Amino acid sequence: MRNKKILIVSIILSVIIIHLLVYYMDYSYIKKDKNPVCSIPLTFIKDGGSVVYYGFGYQVIYWYFAVELENDNKKVNGYMTGYEIHHLFFLKYIPFIKNNITPDKNVKLKFVL
């Protein structure tokens, strides 16, 4: 009985440690504006090129969508890009449930020509 408890606790701790390692590895890549390494791109959003990556207990959304901005009374076409990351229980995009999604207000997106 004692060995089963130790085994269960060690498995749970191993899963938590693996989750934290891959999460922070992808988080560090995202901060450098690079694609996540430990996540798999499974969903492509039809907004110009946004991709939803799924990792071990988390989700990364790479935003890339077309916009038209006005600069000195001239219209400029370009793309807004940036990353957004969510944990397992707070996923933003779930296929077949949420179809129309937009970036959170606190996500900093960059304008690219």
PDB file of N, CA and C in Angstrom:
ATOM      1  N   MET A   1       0.824  -1.198   0.000  1.00  0.00           N
ATOM      2  CA  MET A   1       0.000   0.000   0.000  1.00  0.00           C
ATOM      3  C   MET A   1       0.866   1.260   0.000  1.00  0.00           C
ATOM      4  N   ARG A   2       1.915   1.240   0.801  1.00  0.00           N
ATOM      5  CA  ARG A   2       2.800   2.397   0.890  1.00  0.00           C
ATOM      6  C   ARG A   2       3.528   2.621  -0.430  1.00  0.00           C
ATOM      7  N   ASN A   3       3.917   1.518  -1.090  1.00  0.00           N
ATOM      8  CA  ASN A   3       4.608   1.634  -2.378  1.00  0.00           C
ATOM      9  C   ASN A   3       3.698   2.219  -3.451  1.00  0.00           C
ATOM     10  N   LYS A   4       2.409   1.901  -3.420  1.00  0.00           N
ATOM     11  CA  LYS A   4       1.467   2.463  -4.386  1.00  0.00           C
ATOM     12  C   LYS A   4       1.330   3.965  -4.202  1.00  0.00           C
ATOM     13  N   LYS A   5       1.265   4.411  -2.951  1.00  0.00           N
ATOM     14  CA  LYS A   5       1.166   5.851  -2.687  1.00  0.00           C
ATOM     15  C   LYS A   5       2.407   6.581  -3.176  1.00  0.00           C
ATOM     16  N   ILE A   6       3.565   5.996  -2.917  1.00  0.00           N
ATOM     17  CA  ILE A   6       4.816   6.619  -3.361  1.00  0.00           C
ATOM     18  C   ILE A   6       4.858   6.674  -4.888  1.00  0.00           C
ATOM     19  N   LEU A   7       4.424   5.598  -5.533  1.00  0.00           N
ATOM     20  CA  LEU A   7       4.400   5.567  -6.990  1.00  0.00           C
ATOM     21  C   LEU A   7       3.451   6.618  -7.556  1.00  0.00           C
ATOM     22  N   ILE A   8       2.273   6.739  -6.992  1.00  0.00           N
ATOM     23  CA  ILE A   8       1.291   7.717  -7.469  1.00  0.00           C
ATOM     24  C   ILE A   8       1.796   9.139  -7.268  1.00  0.00           C
ATOM     25  N   VAL A   9       2.360   9.422  -6.115  1.00  0.00           N
ATOM     26  CA  VAL A   9       2.889  10.764  -5.838  1.00  0.00           C
ATOM     27  C   VAL A   9       4.056  11.079  -6.769  1.00  0.00           C
ATOM     28  N   SER A  10       4.921  10.128  -7.017  1.00  0.00           N
ATOM     29  CA  SER A  10       6.064  10.379  -7.900  1.00  0.00           C
ATOM     30  C   SER A  10       5.607  10.598  -9.345  1.00  0.00           C
ATOM     31  N   ILE A  11       4.576   9.887  -9.783  1.00  0.00           N
ATOM     32  CA  ILE A  11       4.050  10.100 -11.138  1.00  0.00           C
ATOM     33  C   ILE A  11       3.434  11.492 -11.255  1.00  0.00           C
ATOM     34  N   ILE A  12       2.659  11.888 -10.264  1.00  0.00           N
ATOM     35  CA  ILE A  12       2.041  13.224 -10.287  1.00  0.00           C
ATOM     36  C   ILE A  12       3.105  14.315 -10.286  1.00  0.00           C
ATOM     37  N   LEU A  13       4.125  14.169  -9.444  1.00  0.00           N
ATOM     38  CA  LEU A  13       5.205  15.164  -9.413  1.00  0.00           C
ATOM     39  C   LEU A  13       5.973  15.198 -10.730  1.00  0.00           C
ATOM     40  N   SER A  14       6.189  14.045 -11.337  1.00  0.00           N
ATOM     41  CA  SER A  14       6.883  13.995 -12.635  1.00  0.00           C
ATOM     42  C   SER A  14       6.087  14.717 -13.716  1.00  0.00           C
ATOM     43  N   VAL A  15       4.779  14.506 -13.744  1.00  0.00           N
ATOM     44  CA  VAL A  15       3.928  15.175 -14.733  1.00  0.00           C
ATOM     45  C   VAL A  15       3.971  16.687 -14.529  1.00  0.00           C
ATOM     46  N   ILE A  16       3.905  17.146 -13.289  1.00  0.00           N
ATOM     47  CA  ILE A  16       3.946  18.583 -13.003  1.00  0.00           C
ATOM     48  C   ILE A  16       5.292  19.174 -13.408  1.00  0.00           C
ATOM     49  N   ILE A  17       6.376  18.479 -13.107  1.00  0.00           N
ATOM     50  CA  ILE A  17       7.711  18.981 -13.454  1.00  0.00           C
ATOM     51  C   ILE A  17       7.886  19.049 -14.973  1.00  0.00           C
ATOM     52  N   ILE A  18       7.441  18.013 -15.688  1.00  0.00           N
ATOM     53  CA  ILE A  18       7.541  18.026 -17.154  1.00  0.00           C
ATOM     54  C   ILE A  18       6.721  19.174 -17.737  1.00  0.00           C
ATOM     55  N   HIS A  19       5.506  19.363 -17.213  1.00  0.00           N
ATOM     56  CA  HIS A  19       4.670  20.477 -17.682  1.00  0.00           C
ATOM     57  C   HIS A  19       5.370  21.811 -17.492  1.00  0.00           C
ATOM     58  N   LEU A  20       5.921  22.038 -16.315  1.00  0.00           N
ATOM     59  CA  LEU A  20       6.591  23.315 -16.044  1.00  0.00           C
ATOM     60  C   LEU A  20       7.811  23.512 -16.937  1.00  0.00           C
ATOM     61  N   LEU A  21       8.572  22.465 -17.168  1.00  0.00           N
ATOM     62  CA  LEU A  21       9.769  22.584 -18.006  1.00  0.00           C
ATOM     63  C   LEU A  21       9.413  22.965 -19.448  1.00  0.00           C
ATOM     64  N   VAL A  22       8.481  22.242 -20.044  1.00  0.00           N
ATOM     65  CA  VAL A  22       8.151  22.545 -21.448  1.00  0.00           C
ATOM     66  C   VAL A  22       7.404  23.868 -21.573  1.00  0.00           C
ATOM     67  N   TYR A  23       6.582  24.204 -20.564  1.00  0.00           N
ATOM     68  CA  TYR A  23       5.869  25.482 -20.590  1.00  0.00           C
ATOM     69  C   TYR A  23       6.856  26.645 -20.575  1.00  0.00           C
ATOM     70  N   TYR A  24       7.795  26.618 -19.658  1.00  0.00           N
ATOM     71  CA  TYR A  24       8.735  27.735 -19.563  1.00  0.00           C
ATOM     72  C   TYR A  24       9.729  27.758 -20.715  1.00  0.00           C
ATOM     73  N   MET A  25      10.005  26.598 -21.322  1.00  0.00           N
ATOM     74  CA  MET A  25      10.856  26.591 -22.506  1.00  0.00           C
ATOM     75  C   MET A  25      10.142  27.300 -23.662  1.00  0.00           C
ATOM     76  N   ASP A  26       8.873  26.951 -23.895  1.00  0.00           N
ATOM     77  CA  ASP A  26       8.111  27.624 -24.940  1.00  0.00           C
ATOM     78  C   ASP A  26       7.888  29.097 -24.607  1.00  0.00           C
ATOM     79  N   TYR A  27       7.666  29.398 -23.340  1.00  0.00           N
ATOM     80  CA  TYR A  27       7.469  30.782 -22.918  1.00  0.00           C
ATOM     81  C   TYR A  27       8.710  31.623 -23.236  1.00  0.00           C
ATOM     82  N   SER A  28       9.898  31.065 -23.011  1.00  0.00           N
ATOM     83  CA  SER A  28      11.124  31.811 -23.307  1.00  0.00           C
ATOM     84  C   SER A  28      11.295  32.016 -24.812  1.00  0.00           C
ATOM     85  N   TYR A  29      10.896  31.046 -25.628  1.00  0.00           N
ATOM     86  CA  TYR A  29      10.952  31.226 -27.077  1.00  0.00           C
ATOM     87  C   TYR A  29       9.967  32.296 -27.535  1.00  0.00           C
ATOM     88  N   ILE A  30       8.776  32.294 -26.952  1.00  0.00           N
ATOM     89  CA  ILE A  30       7.759  33.281 -27.328  1.00  0.00           C
ATOM     90  C   ILE A  30       8.222  34.693 -26.999  1.00  0.00           C
ATOM     91  N   LYS A  31       8.875  34.858 -25.861  1.00  0.00           N
ATOM     92  CA  LYS A  31       9.374  36.188 -25.484  1.00  0.00           C
ATOM     93  C   LYS A  31      10.418  36.699 -26.466  1.00  0.00           C
ATOM     94  N   LYS A  32      11.095  35.776 -27.175  1.00  0.00           N
ATOM     95  CA  LYS A  32      12.086  36.162 -28.183  1.00  0.00           C
ATOM     96  C   LYS A  32      11.469  36.233 -29.582  1.00  0.00           C
ATOM     97  N   ASP A  33      10.137  36.174 -29.669  1.00  0.00           N
ATOM     98  CA  ASP A  33       9.396  36.192 -30.938  1.00  0.00           C
ATOM     99  C   ASP A  33       9.775  35.037 -31.855  1.00  0.00           C
ATOM    100  N   LYS A  34       9.948  33.865 -31.267  1.00  0.00           N
ATOM    101  CA  LYS A  34      10.218  32.652 -32.027  1.00  0.00           C
ATOM    102  C   LYS A  34       9.060  31.682 -31.815  1.00  0.00           C
ATOM    103  N   ASN A  35       8.901  30.748 -32.748  1.00  0.00           N
ATOM    104  CA  ASN A  35       7.851  29.745 -32.619  1.00  0.00           C
ATOM    105  C   ASN A  35       8.149  28.814 -31.449  1.00  0.00           C
ATOM    106  N   PRO A  36       7.106  28.344 -30.749  1.00  0.00           N
ATOM    107  CA  PRO A  36       7.325  27.411 -29.642  1.00  0.00           C
ATOM    108  C   PRO A  36       7.893  26.088 -30.140  1.00  0.00           C
ATOM    109  N   VAL A  37       8.783  25.489 -29.351  1.00  0.00           N
ATOM    110  CA  VAL A  37       9.472  24.272 -29.743  1.00  0.00           C
ATOM    111  C   VAL A  37       8.750  23.018 -29.242  1.00  0.00           C
ATOM    112  N   CYS A  38       8.191  23.084 -28.058  1.00  0.00           N
ATOM    113  CA  CYS A  38       7.586  21.910 -27.420  1.00  0.00           C
ATOM    114  C   CYS A  38       6.086  21.812 -27.666  1.00  0.00           C
ATOM    115  N   SER A  39       5.567  22.550 -28.600  1.00  0.00           N
ATOM    116  CA  SER A  39       4.139  22.543 -28.908  1.00  0.00           C
ATOM    117  C   SER A  39       3.928  22.093 -30.347  1.00  0.00           C
ATOM    118  N   ILE A  40       2.726  21.609 -30.613  1.00  0.00           N
ATOM    119  CA  ILE A  40       2.381  21.118 -31.938  1.00  0.00           C
ATOM    120  C   ILE A  40       1.322  22.029 -32.546  1.00  0.00           C
ATOM    121  N   PRO A  41       1.542  22.533 -33.780  1.00  0.00           N
ATOM    122  CA  PRO A  41       0.505  23.349 -34.424  1.00  0.00           C
ATOM    123  C   PRO A  41      -0.630  22.454 -34.932  1.00  0.00           C
ATOM    124  N   LEU A  42      -1.791  22.568 -34.313  1.00  0.00           N
ATOM    125  CA  LEU A  42      -2.905  21.702 -34.678  1.00  0.00           C
ATOM    126  C   LEU A  42      -4.064  22.442 -35.330  1.00  0.00           C
ATOM    127  N   THR A  43      -4.195  23.736 -35.079  1.00  0.00           N
ATOM    128  CA  THR A  43      -5.330  24.486 -35.603  1.00  0.00           C
ATOM    129  C   THR A  43      -4.831  25.724 -36.326  1.00  0.00           C
ATOM    130  N   PHE A  44      -5.332  25.926 -37.529  1.00  0.00           N
ATOM    131  CA  PHE A  44      -5.002  27.104 -38.314  1.00  0.00           C
ATOM    132  C   PHE A  44      -6.268  27.938 -38.459  1.00  0.00           C
ATOM    133  N   ILE A  45      -6.220  29.170 -37.977  1.00  0.00           N
ATOM    134  CA  ILE A  45      -7.378  30.051 -37.994  1.00  0.00           C
ATOM    135  C   ILE A  45      -7.393  30.809 -39.323  1.00  0.00           C
ATOM    136  N   LYS A  46      -8.546  30.910 -39.930  1.00  0.00           N
ATOM    137  CA  LYS A  46      -8.674  31.550 -41.251  1.00  0.00           C
ATOM    138  C   LYS A  46      -8.850  33.061 -41.102  1.00  0.00           C
ATOM    139  N   ASP A  47      -7.810  33.715 -40.589  1.00  0.00           N
ATOM    140  CA  ASP A  47      -7.847  35.163 -40.446  1.00  0.00           C
ATOM    141  C   ASP A  47      -6.623  35.815 -41.089  1.00  0.00           C
ATOM    142  N   GLY A  48      -5.857  35.051 -41.809  1.00  0.00           N
ATOM    143  CA  GLY A  48      -4.669  35.575 -42.451  1.00  0.00           C
ATOM    144  C   GLY A  48      -3.437  34.753 -42.154  1.00  0.00           C
ATOM    145  N   GLY A  49      -3.516  33.838 -41.199  1.00  0.00           N
ATOM    146  CA  GLY A  49      -2.366  32.989 -40.908  1.00  0.00           C
ATOM    147  C   GLY A  49      -2.124  32.701 -39.439  1.00  0.00           C
ATOM    148  N   SER A  50      -3.084  32.952 -38.573  1.00  0.00           N
ATOM    149  CA  SER A  50      -2.914  32.653 -37.148  1.00  0.00           C
ATOM    150  C   SER A  50      -2.903  31.145 -36.935  1.00  0.00           C
ATOM    151  N   VAL A  51      -2.094  30.707 -35.941  1.00  0.00           N
ATOM    152  CA  VAL A  51      -1.930  29.287 -35.663  1.00  0.00           C
ATOM    153  C   VAL A  51      -2.109  29.059 -34.170  1.00  0.00           C
ATOM    154  N   VAL A  52      -2.800  27.964 -33.815  1.00  0.00           N
ATOM    155  CA  VAL A  52      -2.950  27.574 -32.417  1.00  0.00           C
ATOM    156  C   VAL A  52      -2.081  26.346 -32.185  1.00  0.00           C
ATOM    157  N   TYR A  53      -1.118  26.478 -31.264  1.00  0.00           N
ATOM    158  CA  TYR A  53      -0.228  25.390 -30.885  1.00  0.00           C
ATOM    159  C   TYR A  53      -0.737  24.787 -29.578  1.00  0.00           C
ATOM    160  N   TYR A  54      -0.603  23.469 -29.451  1.00  0.00           N
ATOM    161  CA  TYR A  54      -0.985  22.801 -28.208  1.00  0.00           C
ATOM    162  C   TYR A  54       0.241  22.109 -27.623  1.00  0.00           C
ATOM    163  N   GLY A  55       0.488  22.393 -26.353  1.00  0.00           N
ATOM    164  CA  GLY A  55       1.589  21.773 -25.647  1.00  0.00           C
ATOM    165  C   GLY A  55       1.063  20.861 -24.552  1.00  0.00           C
ATOM    166  N   PHE A  56       1.922  20.447 -23.670  1.00  0.00           N
ATOM    167  CA  PHE A  56       1.585  19.539 -22.581  1.00  0.00           C
ATOM    168  C   PHE A  56       0.921  20.323 -21.454  1.00  0.00           C
ATOM    169  N   GLY A  57      -0.378  20.571 -21.592  1.00  0.00           N
ATOM    170  CA  GLY A  57      -1.123  21.291 -20.572  1.00  0.00           C
ATOM    171  C   GLY A  57      -1.245  22.784 -20.811  1.00  0.00           C
ATOM    172  N   TYR A  58      -0.961  23.244 -22.011  1.00  0.00           N
ATOM    173  CA  TYR A  58      -1.073  24.665 -22.311  1.00  0.00           C
ATOM    174  C   TYR A  58      -1.327  24.859 -23.799  1.00  0.00           C
ATOM    175  N   GLN A  59      -1.635  26.090 -24.163  1.00  0.00           N
ATOM    176  CA  GLN A  59      -1.968  26.446 -25.536  1.00  0.00           C
ATOM    177  C   GLN A  59      -1.256  27.750 -25.884  1.00  0.00           C
ATOM    178  N   VAL A  60      -0.693  27.809 -27.072  1.00  0.00           N
ATOM    179  CA  VAL A  60      -0.037  29.019 -27.568  1.00  0.00           C
ATOM    180  C   VAL A  60      -0.745  29.443 -28.847  1.00  0.00           C
ATOM    181  N   ILE A  61      -1.117  30.709 -28.924  1.00  0.00           N
ATOM    182  CA  ILE A  61      -1.741  31.237 -30.136  1.00  0.00           C
ATOM    183  C   ILE A  61      -0.783  32.250 -30.759  1.00  0.00           C
ATOM    184  N   TYR A  62      -0.423  31.992 -32.009  1.00  0.00           N
ATOM    185  CA  TYR A  62       0.383  32.939 -32.775  1.00  0.00           C
ATOM    186  C   TYR A  62      -0.567  33.726 -33.656  1.00  0.00           C
ATOM    187  N   TRP A  63      -0.709  35.021 -33.349  1.00  0.00           N
ATOM    188  CA  TRP A  63      -1.614  35.882 -34.104  1.00  0.00           C
ATOM    189  C   TRP A  63      -0.902  36.432 -35.317  1.00  0.00           C
ATOM    190  N   TYR A  64      -1.551  36.338 -36.465  1.00  0.00           N
ATOM    191  CA  TYR A  64      -1.037  36.897 -37.716  1.00  0.00           C
ATOM    192  C   TYR A  64      -2.248  37.170 -38.598  1.00  0.00           C
ATOM    193  N   PHE A  65      -2.759  38.392 -38.526  1.00  0.00           N
ATOM    194  CA  PHE A  65      -3.955  38.709 -39.299  1.00  0.00           C
ATOM    195  C   PHE A  65      -3.813  40.070 -39.966  1.00  0.00           C
ATOM    196  N   ALA A  66      -4.500  40.198 -41.111  1.00  0.00           N
ATOM    197  CA  ALA A  66      -4.409  41.403 -41.934  1.00  0.00           C
ATOM    198  C   ALA A  66      -5.211  42.544 -41.317  1.00  0.00           C
ATOM    199  N   VAL A  67      -4.634  43.745 -41.378  1.00  0.00           N
ATOM    200  CA  VAL A  67      -5.318  44.952 -40.904  1.00  0.00           C
ATOM    201  C   VAL A  67      -5.004  46.100 -41.857  1.00  0.00           C
ATOM    202  N   GLU A  68      -5.812  47.140 -41.756  1.00  0.00           N
ATOM    203  CA  GLU A  68      -5.582  48.364 -42.520  1.00  0.00           C
ATOM    204  C   GLU A  68      -5.556  49.513 -41.518  1.00  0.00           C
ATOM    205  N   LEU A  69      -4.407  50.141 -41.360  1.00  0.00           N
ATOM    206  CA  LEU A  69      -4.246  51.258 -40.431  1.00  0.00           C
ATOM    207  C   LEU A  69      -4.116  52.560 -41.201  1.00  0.00           C
ATOM    208  N   GLU A  70      -4.353  53.650 -40.501  1.00  0.00           N
ATOM    209  CA  GLU A  70      -4.256  54.967 -41.124  1.00  0.00           C
ATOM    210  C   GLU A  70      -3.078  55.706 -40.513  1.00  0.00           C
ATOM    211  N   ASN A  71      -2.177  56.191 -41.378  1.00  0.00           N
ATOM    212  CA  ASN A  71      -0.990  56.914 -40.935  1.00  0.00           C
ATOM    213  C   ASN A  71      -0.855  58.172 -41.799  1.00  0.00           C
ATOM    214  N   ASP A  72      -0.946  59.339 -41.191  1.00  0.00           N
ATOM    215  CA  ASP A  72      -0.882  60.622 -41.906  1.00  0.00           C
ATOM    216  C   ASP A  72      -1.920  60.675 -43.029  1.00  0.00           C
ATOM    217  N   ASN A  73      -3.136  60.281 -42.722  1.00  0.00           N
ATOM    218  CA  ASN A  73      -4.269  60.262 -43.661  1.00  0.00           C
ATOM    219  C   ASN A  73      -4.033  59.348 -44.868  1.00  0.00           C
ATOM    220  N   LYS A  74      -3.127  58.388 -44.726  1.00  0.00           N
ATOM    221  CA  LYS A  74      -2.888  57.382 -45.763  1.00  0.00           C
ATOM    222  C   LYS A  74      -3.204  56.014 -45.172  1.00  0.00           C
ATOM    223  N   LYS A  75      -3.887  55.192 -45.947  1.00  0.00           N
ATOM    224  CA  LYS A  75      -4.200  53.849 -45.490  1.00  0.00           C
ATOM    225  C   LYS A  75      -3.020  52.921 -45.781  1.00  0.00           C
ATOM    226  N   VAL A  76      -2.610  52.182 -44.753  1.00  0.00           N
ATOM    227  CA  VAL A  76      -1.475  51.274 -44.871  1.00  0.00           C
ATOM    228  C   VAL A  76      -1.961  49.866 -44.561  1.00  0.00           C
ATOM    229  N   ASN A  77      -1.727  48.936 -45.486  1.00  0.00           N
ATOM    230  CA  ASN A  77      -2.085  47.540 -45.268  1.00  0.00           C
ATOM    231  C   ASN A  77      -0.895  46.798 -44.667  1.00  0.00           C
ATOM    232  N   GLY A  78      -1.194  45.932 -43.720  1.00  0.00           N
ATOM    233  CA  GLY A  78      -0.140  45.155 -43.086  1.00  0.00           C
ATOM    234  C   GLY A  78      -0.730  44.043 -42.244  1.00  0.00           C
ATOM    235  N   TYR A  79       0.085  43.518 -41.354  1.00  0.00           N
ATOM    236  CA  TYR A  79      -0.331  42.413 -40.490  1.00  0.00           C
ATOM    237  C   TYR A  79      -0.022  42.741 -39.037  1.00  0.00           C
ATOM    238  N   MET A  80      -0.880  42.275 -38.151  1.00  0.00           N
ATOM    239  CA  MET A  80      -0.629  42.344 -36.715  1.00  0.00           C
ATOM    240  C   MET A  80      -0.134  40.967 -36.283  1.00  0.00           C
ATOM    241  N   THR A  81       0.990  40.930 -35.577  1.00  0.00           N
ATOM    242  CA  THR A  81       1.562  39.654 -35.149  1.00  0.00           C
ATOM    243  C   THR A  81       1.862  39.688 -33.663  1.00  0.00           C
ATOM    244  N   GLY A  82       1.854  38.522 -33.047  1.00  0.00           N
ATOM    245  CA  GLY A  82       2.182  38.399 -31.642  1.00  0.00           C
ATOM    246  C   GLY A  82       1.767  37.035 -31.112  1.00  0.00           C
ATOM    247  N   TYR A  83       2.165  36.754 -29.875  1.00  0.00           N
ATOM    248  CA  TYR A  83       1.883  35.468 -29.242  1.00  0.00           C
ATOM    249  C   TYR A  83       1.023  35.652 -28.011  1.00  0.00           C
ATOM    250  N   GLU A  84       0.270  34.606 -27.701  1.00  0.00           N
ATOM    251  CA  GLU A  84      -0.579  34.567 -26.512  1.00  0.00           C
ATOM    252  C   GLU A  84      -0.511  33.141 -25.967  1.00  0.00           C
ATOM    253  N   ILE A  85      -0.402  32.989 -24.643  1.00  0.00           N
ATOM    254  CA  ILE A  85      -0.260  31.659 -24.052  1.00  0.00           C
ATOM    255  C   ILE A  85      -1.302  31.463 -22.954  1.00  0.00           C
ATOM    256  N   HIS A  86      -1.863  30.244 -22.880  1.00  0.00           N
ATOM    257  CA  HIS A  86      -2.904  29.916 -21.902  1.00  0.00           C
ATOM    258  C   HIS A  86      -2.640  28.542 -21.299  1.00  0.00           C
ATOM    259  N   HIS A  87      -2.982  28.394 -20.011  1.00  0.00           N
ATOM    260  CA  HIS A  87      -2.878  27.094 -19.347  1.00  0.00           C
ATOM    261  C   HIS A  87      -4.074  26.229 -19.687  1.00  0.00           C
ATOM    262  N   LEU A  88      -4.010  24.968 -19.312  1.00  0.00           N
ATOM    263  CA  LEU A  88      -4.997  23.955 -19.685  1.00  0.00           C
ATOM    264  C   LEU A  88      -6.426  24.335 -19.343  1.00  0.00           C
ATOM    265  N   PHE A  89      -6.663  24.847 -18.159  1.00  0.00           N
ATOM    266  CA  PHE A  89      -8.026  25.131 -17.728  1.00  0.00           C
ATOM    267  C   PHE A  89      -8.541  26.479 -18.211  1.00  0.00           C
ATOM    268  N   PHE A  90      -7.699  27.246 -18.876  1.00  0.00           N
ATOM    269  CA  PHE A  90      -8.097  28.569 -19.367  1.00  0.00           C
ATOM    270  C   PHE A  90      -7.859  28.690 -20.870  1.00  0.00           C
ATOM    271  N   LEU A  91      -8.063  27.606 -21.610  1.00  0.00           N
ATOM    272  CA  LEU A  91      -7.829  27.628 -23.048  1.00  0.00           C
ATOM    273  C   LEU A  91      -8.751  28.624 -23.715  1.00  0.00           C
ATOM    274  N   LYS A  92      -8.202  29.360 -24.659  1.00  0.00           N
ATOM    275  CA  LYS A  92      -8.992  30.379 -25.339  1.00  0.00           C
ATOM    276  C   LYS A  92      -9.710  29.800 -26.546  1.00  0.00           C
ATOM    277  N   TYR A  93      -9.047  28.948 -27.286  1.00  0.00           N
ATOM    278  CA  TYR A  93      -9.634  28.394 -28.509  1.00  0.00           C
ATOM    279  C   TYR A  93      -9.786  26.887 -28.349  1.00  0.00           C
ATOM    280  N   ILE A  94     -10.999  26.414 -28.432  1.00  0.00           N
ATOM    281  CA  ILE A  94     -11.269  24.983 -28.390  1.00  0.00           C
ATOM    282  C   ILE A  94     -11.958  24.650 -29.714  1.00  0.00           C
ATOM    283  N   PRO A  95     -11.354  23.801 -30.541  1.00  0.00           N
ATOM    284  CA  PRO A  95     -11.931  23.522 -31.857  1.00  0.00           C
ATOM    285  C   PRO A  95     -13.383  23.059 -31.762  1.00  0.00           C
ATOM    286  N   PHE A  96     -14.183  23.496 -32.695  1.00  0.00           N
ATOM    287  CA  PHE A  96     -15.599  23.162 -32.837  1.00  0.00           C
ATOM    288  C   PHE A  96     -16.481  23.782 -31.760  1.00  0.00           C
ATOM    289  N   ILE A  97     -15.914  24.516 -30.819  1.00  0.00           N
ATOM    290  CA  ILE A  97     -16.724  25.177 -29.789  1.00  0.00           C
ATOM    291  C   ILE A  97     -16.654  26.687 -29.968  1.00  0.00           C
ATOM    292  N   LYS A  98     -15.442  27.229 -29.995  1.00  0.00           N
ATOM    293  CA  LYS A  98     -15.258  28.664 -30.184  1.00  0.00           C
ATOM    294  C   LYS A  98     -14.656  28.887 -31.567  1.00  0.00           C
ATOM    295  N   ASN A  99     -15.399  29.494 -32.452  1.00  0.00           N
ATOM    296  CA  ASN A  99     -14.908  29.709 -33.806  1.00  0.00           C
ATOM    297  C   ASN A  99     -14.344  31.108 -34.007  1.00  0.00           C
ATOM    298  N   ASN A 100     -14.985  32.113 -33.472  1.00  0.00           N
ATOM    299  CA  ASN A 100     -14.538  33.492 -33.662  1.00  0.00           C
ATOM    300  C   ASN A 100     -13.795  33.947 -32.421  1.00  0.00           C
ATOM    301  N   ILE A 101     -12.490  34.065 -32.537  1.00  0.00           N
ATOM    302  CA  ILE A 101     -11.701  34.519 -31.399  1.00  0.00           C
ATOM    303  C   ILE A 101     -10.887  35.732 -31.809  1.00  0.00           C
ATOM    304  N   THR A 102     -10.563  36.544 -30.836  1.00  0.00           N
ATOM    305  CA  THR A 102      -9.727  37.722 -31.047  1.00  0.00           C
ATOM    306  C   THR A 102      -8.680  37.755 -29.944  1.00  0.00           C
ATOM    307  N   PRO A 103      -7.583  38.461 -30.158  1.00  0.00           N
ATOM    308  CA  PRO A 103      -6.551  38.537 -29.119  1.00  0.00           C
ATOM    309  C   PRO A 103      -7.069  39.208 -27.847  1.00  0.00           C
ATOM    310  N   ASP A 104      -6.528  38.784 -26.700  1.00  0.00           N
ATOM    311  CA  ASP A 104      -6.861  39.436 -25.439  1.00  0.00           C
ATOM    312  C   ASP A 104      -6.391  40.882 -25.478  1.00  0.00           C
ATOM    313  N   LYS A 105      -6.993  41.713 -24.637  1.00  0.00           N
ATOM    314  CA  LYS A 105      -6.636  43.131 -24.613  1.00  0.00           C
ATOM    315  C   LYS A 105      -5.217  43.374 -24.111  1.00  0.00           C
ATOM    316  N   ASN A 106      -4.700  42.454 -23.268  1.00  0.00           N
ATOM    317  CA  ASN A 106      -3.369  42.654 -22.705  1.00  0.00           C
ATOM    318  C   ASN A 106      -2.250  42.085 -23.590  1.00  0.00           C
ATOM    319  N   VAL A 107      -2.592  41.499 -24.733  1.00  0.00           N
ATOM    320  CA  VAL A 107      -1.593  40.960 -25.655  1.00  0.00           C
ATOM    321  C   VAL A 107      -1.046  42.094 -26.513  1.00  0.00           C
ATOM    322  N   LYS A 108       0.271  42.208 -26.551  1.00  0.00           N
ATOM    323  CA  LYS A 108       0.917  43.258 -27.342  1.00  0.00           C
ATOM    324  C   LYS A 108       1.203  42.711 -28.734  1.00  0.00           C
ATOM    325  N   LEU A 109       0.535  43.270 -29.725  1.00  0.00           N
ATOM    326  CA  LEU A 109       0.747  42.872 -31.104  1.00  0.00           C
ATOM    327  C   LEU A 109       1.558  43.930 -31.830  1.00  0.00           C
ATOM    328  N   LYS A 110       2.381  43.474 -32.777  1.00  0.00           N
ATOM    329  CA  LYS A 110       3.209  44.391 -33.562  1.00  0.00           C
ATOM    330  C   LYS A 110       2.640  44.512 -34.966  1.00  0.00           C
ATOM    331  N   PHE A 111       2.737  45.695 -35.538  1.00  0.00           N
ATOM    332  CA  PHE A 111       2.307  45.925 -36.908  1.00  0.00           C
ATOM    333  C   PHE A 111       3.492  45.672 -37.835  1.00  0.00           C
ATOM    334  N   VAL A 112       3.271  44.808 -38.838  1.00  0.00           N
ATOM    335  CA  VAL A 112       4.315  44.439 -39.787  1.00  0.00           C
ATOM    336  C   VAL A 112       3.783  44.672 -41.193  1.00  0.00           C
ATOM    337  N   LEU A 113       4.607  45.245 -42.059  1.00  0.00           N
ATOM    338  CA  LEU A 113       4.213  45.448 -43.459  1.00  0.00           C
ATOM    339  C   LEU A 113       4.384  44.202 -44.261  1.00  0.00           C
TER     340      LEU A 113
END
